[in-house]
Amino acid sequence: MRRDGLVRATTKEIAREARCSEALLYKHFPDKRDIFLRVLTDRSPRLDLAADLPGTGTVVTNLEQLVTNLLEFYENGFPIAASIFSSAELLAAHRAAMTARGAGPQGPSRILARYLDQEILLARLHPLDTDAIARLLTGAALHEAFLASYAGEAIVNTEALAHRLVAALGFGNDKI
C-alpha cells in the first residue's frame, strides 16, 4: 500500500508482502479499506505520550519529541494516506470510519494543543494560542512528509528538524 497506494494495491499483493494468504487477511479484515485503516492506526504518531509529559522534562524537549514523532508518522503514512484522495468513495468511507472511531486528521494538533494547555496551567508557559501553535507544528510536519514523498527521499535527521521547528516558534527557552 505504501508503494502502490491503496487504490492500486490488491489484497493478493498485500498478502504476499505480509507473507500470509488472502484468506487469512479476510479472516481478520472485511476489506482492503479496513487493512488500510489498521495500518494507519498502527502507524499513528506516538502522541499518546503527550498526556504524561506536562510538568516533566522541559517544554522544549517534550515538544521536540512530539514533533519528531509527527515527522516520522507523516513520513511513513503520507504515501498511503494520500491515496485515499484518489477516490471520492474511498475518501468518504475513510472519513466515516474515522468519525465513527472519534479520530481523524485533526487529532494530532488537538493532542499537541492539549499538551501546551496543560503546560500553561502548570505555569511552565505563558498563555498563548495553543491551537495555532499546534496547527503550525503539525502542518510543518505534514509538509515535510509531503516534500520527502514527492522527492522520493527520507526526511534527513528528524530530531534536528523538530528542534528547528520548535525553536522557530520561539520555544528556545521554557518560559515564553
C-alpha atoms as a PDB file:
ATOM      1  CA  MET A   1       0.000   0.000   0.000  1.00  0.00           C
ATOM      2  CA  ARG A   2       2.859   2.348   0.729  1.00  0.00           C
ATOM      3  CA  ARG A   3       4.463   1.672  -2.644  1.00  0.00           C
ATOM      4  CA  ASP A   4       1.367   1.458  -4.849  1.00  0.00           C
ATOM      5  CA  GLY A   5      -1.229   3.392  -2.868  1.00  0.00           C
ATOM      6  CA  LEU A   6      -4.476   1.990  -1.605  1.00  0.00           C
ATOM      7  CA  VAL A   7      -6.386   2.034  -4.883  1.00  0.00           C
ATOM      8  CA  ARG A   8      -3.780   0.048  -6.845  1.00  0.00           C
ATOM      9  CA  ALA A   9      -2.747  -2.331  -4.050  1.00  0.00           C
ATOM     10  CA  THR A  10      -4.585  -5.618  -4.303  1.00  0.00           C
ATOM     11  CA  THR A  11      -5.311  -7.950  -1.418  1.00  0.00           C
ATOM     12  CA  LYS A  12      -3.213 -10.543  -3.224  1.00  0.00           C
ATOM     13  CA  GLU A  13      -0.200  -8.196  -3.196  1.00  0.00           C
ATOM     14  CA  ILE A  14      -0.851  -7.206   0.414  1.00  0.00           C
ATOM     15  CA  ALA A  15      -0.997 -10.884   1.436  1.00  0.00           C
ATOM     16  CA  ARG A  16       2.249 -11.592  -0.432  1.00  0.00           C
ATOM     17  CA  GLU A  17       4.021  -8.671   1.303  1.00  0.00           C
ATOM     18  CA  ALA A  18       2.589  -9.765   4.669  1.00  0.00           C
ATOM     19  CA  ARG A  19       3.655 -13.366   3.960  1.00  0.00           C
ATOM     20  CA  CYS A  20       0.175 -14.761   4.526  1.00  0.00           C
ATOM     21  CA  SER A  21      -2.777 -15.938   2.469  1.00  0.00           C
ATOM     22  CA  GLU A  22      -5.594 -13.746   1.203  1.00  0.00           C
ATOM     23  CA  ALA A  23      -7.962 -15.975   3.184  1.00  0.00           C
ATOM     24  CA  LEU A  24      -6.122 -15.055   6.379  1.00  0.00           C
ATOM     25  CA  LEU A  25      -6.410 -11.369   5.527  1.00  0.00           C
ATOM     26  CA  TYR A  26     -10.171 -11.722   5.024  1.00  0.00           C
ATOM     27  CA  LYS A  27     -10.446 -13.621   8.292  1.00  0.00           C
ATOM     28  CA  HIS A  28      -9.200 -10.520  10.125  1.00  0.00           C
ATOM     29  CA  PHE A  29     -10.327  -7.708   7.802  1.00  0.00           C
ATOM     30  CA  PRO A  30     -13.619  -7.433   5.897  1.00  0.00           C
ATOM     31  CA  ASP A  31     -11.996  -5.484   3.061  1.00  0.00           C
ATOM     32  CA  LYS A  32      -8.940  -3.622   1.855  1.00  0.00           C
ATOM     33  CA  ARG A  33     -10.131  -0.352   3.429  1.00  0.00           C
ATOM     34  CA  ASP A  34     -10.065  -1.980   6.880  1.00  0.00           C
ATOM     35  CA  ILE A  35      -6.498  -3.155   6.264  1.00  0.00           C
ATOM     36  CA  PHE A  36      -5.587   0.407   5.327  1.00  0.00           C
ATOM     37  CA  LEU A  37      -7.228   1.823   8.459  1.00  0.00           C
ATOM     38  CA  ARG A  38      -5.368  -0.673  10.641  1.00  0.00           C
ATOM     39  CA  VAL A  39      -2.058   0.240   9.025  1.00  0.00           C
ATOM     40  CA  LEU A  40      -2.687   3.933   9.633  1.00  0.00           C
ATOM     41  CA  THR A  41      -3.807   3.269  13.195  1.00  0.00           C
ATOM     42  CA  ASP A  42      -0.758   1.150  13.922  1.00  0.00           C
ATOM     43  CA  ARG A  43       1.450   3.885  12.497  1.00  0.00           C
ATOM     44  CA  SER A  44      -0.301   6.653  14.383  1.00  0.00           C
ATOM     45  CA  PRO A  45       2.052   9.181  15.901  1.00  0.00           C
ATOM     46  CA  ARG A  46       3.298   8.344  19.351  1.00  0.00           C
ATOM     47  CA  LEU A  47       1.386  11.291  20.721  1.00  0.00           C
ATOM     48  CA  ASP A  48      -0.324   9.222  23.388  1.00  0.00           C
ATOM     49  CA  LEU A  49       2.734  10.004  25.494  1.00  0.00           C
ATOM     50  CA  ALA A  50       1.692  13.691  25.435  1.00  0.00           C
ATOM     51  CA  ALA A  51      -0.709  13.096  28.322  1.00  0.00           C
ATOM     52  CA  ASP A  52       2.197  12.033  30.541  1.00  0.00           C
ATOM     53  CA  LEU A  53       4.534  14.908  29.604  1.00  0.00           C
ATOM     54  CA  PRO A  54       3.103  18.028  31.307  1.00  0.00           C
ATOM     55  CA  GLY A  55       5.336  19.010  34.207  1.00  0.00           C
ATOM     56  CA  THR A  56       8.123  16.603  33.213  1.00  0.00           C
ATOM     57  CA  GLY A  57      11.404  17.308  31.457  1.00  0.00           C
ATOM     58  CA  THR A  58      11.390  20.627  29.659  1.00  0.00           C
ATOM     59  CA  VAL A  59       8.683  22.013  27.425  1.00  0.00           C
ATOM     60  CA  VAL A  60      11.201  22.359  24.591  1.00  0.00           C
ATOM     61  CA  THR A  61      12.426  18.761  24.888  1.00  0.00           C
ATOM     62  CA  ASN A  62       8.863  17.470  25.099  1.00  0.00           C
ATOM     63  CA  LEU A  63       7.744  19.450  22.046  1.00  0.00           C
ATOM     64  CA  GLU A  64      10.777  18.302  20.094  1.00  0.00           C
ATOM     65  CA  GLN A  65       9.942  14.664  20.884  1.00  0.00           C
ATOM     66  CA  LEU A  66       6.303  15.125  19.891  1.00  0.00           C
ATOM     67  CA  VAL A  67       7.262  16.873  16.629  1.00  0.00           C
ATOM     68  CA  THR A  68       9.861  14.169  15.868  1.00  0.00           C
ATOM     69  CA  ASN A  69       7.104  11.575  16.293  1.00  0.00           C
ATOM     70  CA  LEU A  70       4.819  13.569  13.994  1.00  0.00           C
ATOM     71  CA  LEU A  71       7.519  13.825  11.331  1.00  0.00           C
ATOM     72  CA  GLU A  72       8.110  10.079  11.419  1.00  0.00           C
ATOM     73  CA  PHE A  73       4.401   9.274  11.376  1.00  0.00           C
ATOM     74  CA  TYR A  74       3.610  11.547   8.458  1.00  0.00           C
ATOM     75  CA  GLU A  75       6.688  10.404   6.551  1.00  0.00           C
ATOM     76  CA  ASN A  76       5.679   6.750   6.907  1.00  0.00           C
ATOM     77  CA  GLY A  77       1.976   7.290   6.359  1.00  0.00           C
ATOM     78  CA  PHE A  78       1.858  10.011   3.724  1.00  0.00           C
ATOM     79  CA  PRO A  79       2.108   7.780   0.646  1.00  0.00           C
ATOM     80  CA  ILE A  80      -0.690   5.573   1.941  1.00  0.00           C
ATOM     81  CA  ALA A  81      -2.860   8.403   3.242  1.00  0.00           C
ATOM     82  CA  ALA A  82      -2.526  10.404   0.038  1.00  0.00           C
ATOM     83  CA  SER A  83      -4.006   7.522  -1.911  1.00  0.00           C
ATOM     84  CA  ILE A  84      -7.391   7.890  -0.191  1.00  0.00           C
ATOM     85  CA  PHE A  85      -7.873  11.142  -2.103  1.00  0.00           C
ATOM     86  CA  SER A  86      -7.735   9.278  -5.408  1.00  0.00           C
ATOM     87  CA  SER A  87     -11.305   8.071  -4.957  1.00  0.00           C
ATOM     88  CA  ALA A  88     -14.242  10.128  -3.668  1.00  0.00           C
ATOM     89  CA  GLU A  89     -15.883   6.899  -2.488  1.00  0.00           C
ATOM     90  CA  LEU A  90     -12.775   5.793  -0.625  1.00  0.00           C
ATOM     91  CA  LEU A  91     -12.359   9.227   0.970  1.00  0.00           C
ATOM     92  CA  ALA A  92     -15.994   9.257   2.116  1.00  0.00           C
ATOM     93  CA  ALA A  93     -15.686   5.749   3.555  1.00  0.00           C
ATOM     94  CA  HIS A  94     -12.430   6.626   5.280  1.00  0.00           C
ATOM     95  CA  ARG A  95     -13.935   9.814   6.703  1.00  0.00           C
ATOM     96  CA  ALA A  96     -16.963   7.888   8.003  1.00  0.00           C
ATOM     97  CA  ALA A  97     -14.785   5.182   9.566  1.00  0.00           C
ATOM     98  CA  MET A  98     -12.536   7.707  11.261  1.00  0.00           C
ATOM     99  CA  THR A  99     -15.509   9.732  12.516  1.00  0.00           C
ATOM    100  CA  ALA A 100     -17.067   6.574  13.954  1.00  0.00           C
ATOM    101  CA  ARG A 101     -13.835   5.984  15.864  1.00  0.00           C
ATOM    102  CA  GLY A 102     -13.657   9.583  17.100  1.00  0.00           C
ATOM    103  CA  ALA A 103     -10.492  10.053  15.102  1.00  0.00           C
ATOM    104  CA  GLY A 104      -9.316  11.986  12.107  1.00  0.00           C
ATOM    105  CA  PRO A 105      -6.626  14.295  10.813  1.00  0.00           C
ATOM    106  CA  GLN A 106      -7.397  16.900  13.479  1.00  0.00           C
ATOM    107  CA  GLY A 107      -6.316  14.506  16.239  1.00  0.00           C
ATOM    108  CA  PRO A 108      -2.576  15.228  16.322  1.00  0.00           C
ATOM    109  CA  SER A 109      -2.969  19.003  16.527  1.00  0.00           C
ATOM    110  CA  ARG A 110      -5.633  18.671  19.231  1.00  0.00           C
ATOM    111  CA  ILE A 111      -3.349  16.442  21.290  1.00  0.00           C
ATOM    112  CA  LEU A 112      -0.477  18.895  20.886  1.00  0.00           C
ATOM    113  CA  ALA A 113      -2.732  21.814  21.881  1.00  0.00           C
ATOM    114  CA  ARG A 114      -3.930  19.941  24.991  1.00  0.00           C
ATOM    115  CA  TYR A 115      -0.318  19.288  25.956  1.00  0.00           C
ATOM    116  CA  LEU A 116       0.501  23.004  25.638  1.00  0.00           C
ATOM    117  CA  ASP A 117      -2.650  23.940  27.579  1.00  0.00           C
ATOM    118  CA  GLN A 118      -1.512  21.708  30.443  1.00  0.00           C
ATOM    119  CA  GLU A 119       1.923  23.311  30.474  1.00  0.00           C
ATOM    120  CA  ILE A 120       0.246  26.743  30.712  1.00  0.00           C
ATOM    121  CA  LEU A 121      -1.852  25.525  33.667  1.00  0.00           C
ATOM    122  CA  LEU A 122       1.364  24.389  35.335  1.00  0.00           C
ATOM    123  CA  ALA A 123       2.851  27.876  34.700  1.00  0.00           C
ATOM    124  CA  ARG A 124       5.650  26.424  32.574  1.00  0.00           C
ATOM    125  CA  LEU A 125       4.448  28.521  29.619  1.00  0.00           C
ATOM    126  CA  HIS A 126       2.884  31.958  29.429  1.00  0.00           C
ATOM    127  CA  PRO A 127      -0.627  31.985  27.948  1.00  0.00           C
ATOM    128  CA  LEU A 128      -0.516  31.664  24.163  1.00  0.00           C
ATOM    129  CA  ASP A 129      -2.639  30.454  21.268  1.00  0.00           C
ATOM    130  CA  THR A 130      -2.038  26.733  21.746  1.00  0.00           C
ATOM    131  CA  ASP A 131      -4.349  25.771  18.896  1.00  0.00           C
ATOM    132  CA  ALA A 132      -2.412  27.927  16.413  1.00  0.00           C
ATOM    133  CA  ILE A 133       0.963  26.645  17.615  1.00  0.00           C
ATOM    134  CA  ALA A 134      -0.218  23.034  17.442  1.00  0.00           C
ATOM    135  CA  ARG A 135      -1.519  23.592  13.905  1.00  0.00           C
ATOM    136  CA  LEU A 136       1.744  25.223  12.830  1.00  0.00           C
ATOM    137  CA  LEU A 137       3.871  22.362  14.161  1.00  0.00           C
ATOM    138  CA  THR A 138       1.546  19.671  12.834  1.00  0.00           C
ATOM    139  CA  GLY A 139       1.286  21.407   9.468  1.00  0.00           C
ATOM    140  CA  ALA A 140       5.059  21.763   9.227  1.00  0.00           C
ATOM    141  CA  ALA A 141       5.498  18.041   9.920  1.00  0.00           C
ATOM    142  CA  LEU A 142       2.924  17.136   7.279  1.00  0.00           C
ATOM    143  CA  HIS A 143       4.542  19.496   4.764  1.00  0.00           C
ATOM    144  CA  GLU A 144       7.977  17.945   5.327  1.00  0.00           C
ATOM    145  CA  ALA A 145       6.472  14.491   4.773  1.00  0.00           C
ATOM    146  CA  PHE A 146       4.896  15.697   1.543  1.00  0.00           C
ATOM    147  CA  LEU A 147       8.231  17.102   0.347  1.00  0.00           C
ATOM    148  CA  ALA A 148      10.045  13.872   1.235  1.00  0.00           C
ATOM    149  CA  SER A 149       7.424  11.737  -0.523  1.00  0.00           C
ATOM    150  CA  TYR A 150       7.474  13.956  -3.578  1.00  0.00           C
ATOM    151  CA  ALA A 151      11.274  13.797  -3.777  1.00  0.00           C
ATOM    152  CA  GLY A 152      11.331  10.068  -3.066  1.00  0.00           C
ATOM    153  CA  GLU A 153      13.706  10.671  -0.196  1.00  0.00           C
ATOM    154  CA  ALA A 154      13.626  10.325   3.565  1.00  0.00           C
ATOM    155  CA  ILE A 155      13.430  13.286   5.888  1.00  0.00           C
ATOM    156  CA  VAL A 156      17.008  13.863   6.947  1.00  0.00           C
ATOM    157  CA  ASN A 157      17.557  13.954  10.723  1.00  0.00           C
ATOM    158  CA  THR A 158      14.032  14.304  12.073  1.00  0.00           C
ATOM    159  CA  GLU A 159      15.336  15.267  15.528  1.00  0.00           C
ATOM    160  CA  ALA A 160      17.293  18.251  14.189  1.00  0.00           C
ATOM    161  CA  LEU A 161      14.342  19.328  12.061  1.00  0.00           C
ATOM    162  CA  ALA A 162      11.992  19.067  15.048  1.00  0.00           C
ATOM    163  CA  HIS A 163      14.429  21.212  17.043  1.00  0.00           C
ATOM    164  CA  ARG A 164      14.466  23.873  14.305  1.00  0.00           C
ATOM    165  CA  LEU A 165      10.665  23.905  14.008  1.00  0.00           C
ATOM    166  CA  VAL A 166      10.143  24.248  17.750  1.00  0.00           C
ATOM    167  CA  ALA A 167      12.852  26.919  18.056  1.00  0.00           C
ATOM    168  CA  ALA A 168      11.390  28.893  15.112  1.00  0.00           C
ATOM    169  CA  LEU A 169       8.204  29.400  17.141  1.00  0.00           C
ATOM    170  CA  GLY A 170      10.201  30.979  19.956  1.00  0.00           C
ATOM    171  CA  PHE A 171      10.471  27.914  22.126  1.00  0.00           C
ATOM    172  CA  GLY A 172      14.166  28.498  22.781  1.00  0.00           C
ATOM    173  CA  ASN A 173      13.515  28.646  26.484  1.00  0.00           C
ATOM    174  CA  ASP A 174      10.836  27.051  28.606  1.00  0.00           C
ATOM    175  CA  LYS A 175       9.007  30.203  29.659  1.00  0.00           C
ATOM    176  CA  ILE A 176       7.558  32.139  26.727  1.00  0.00           C
END
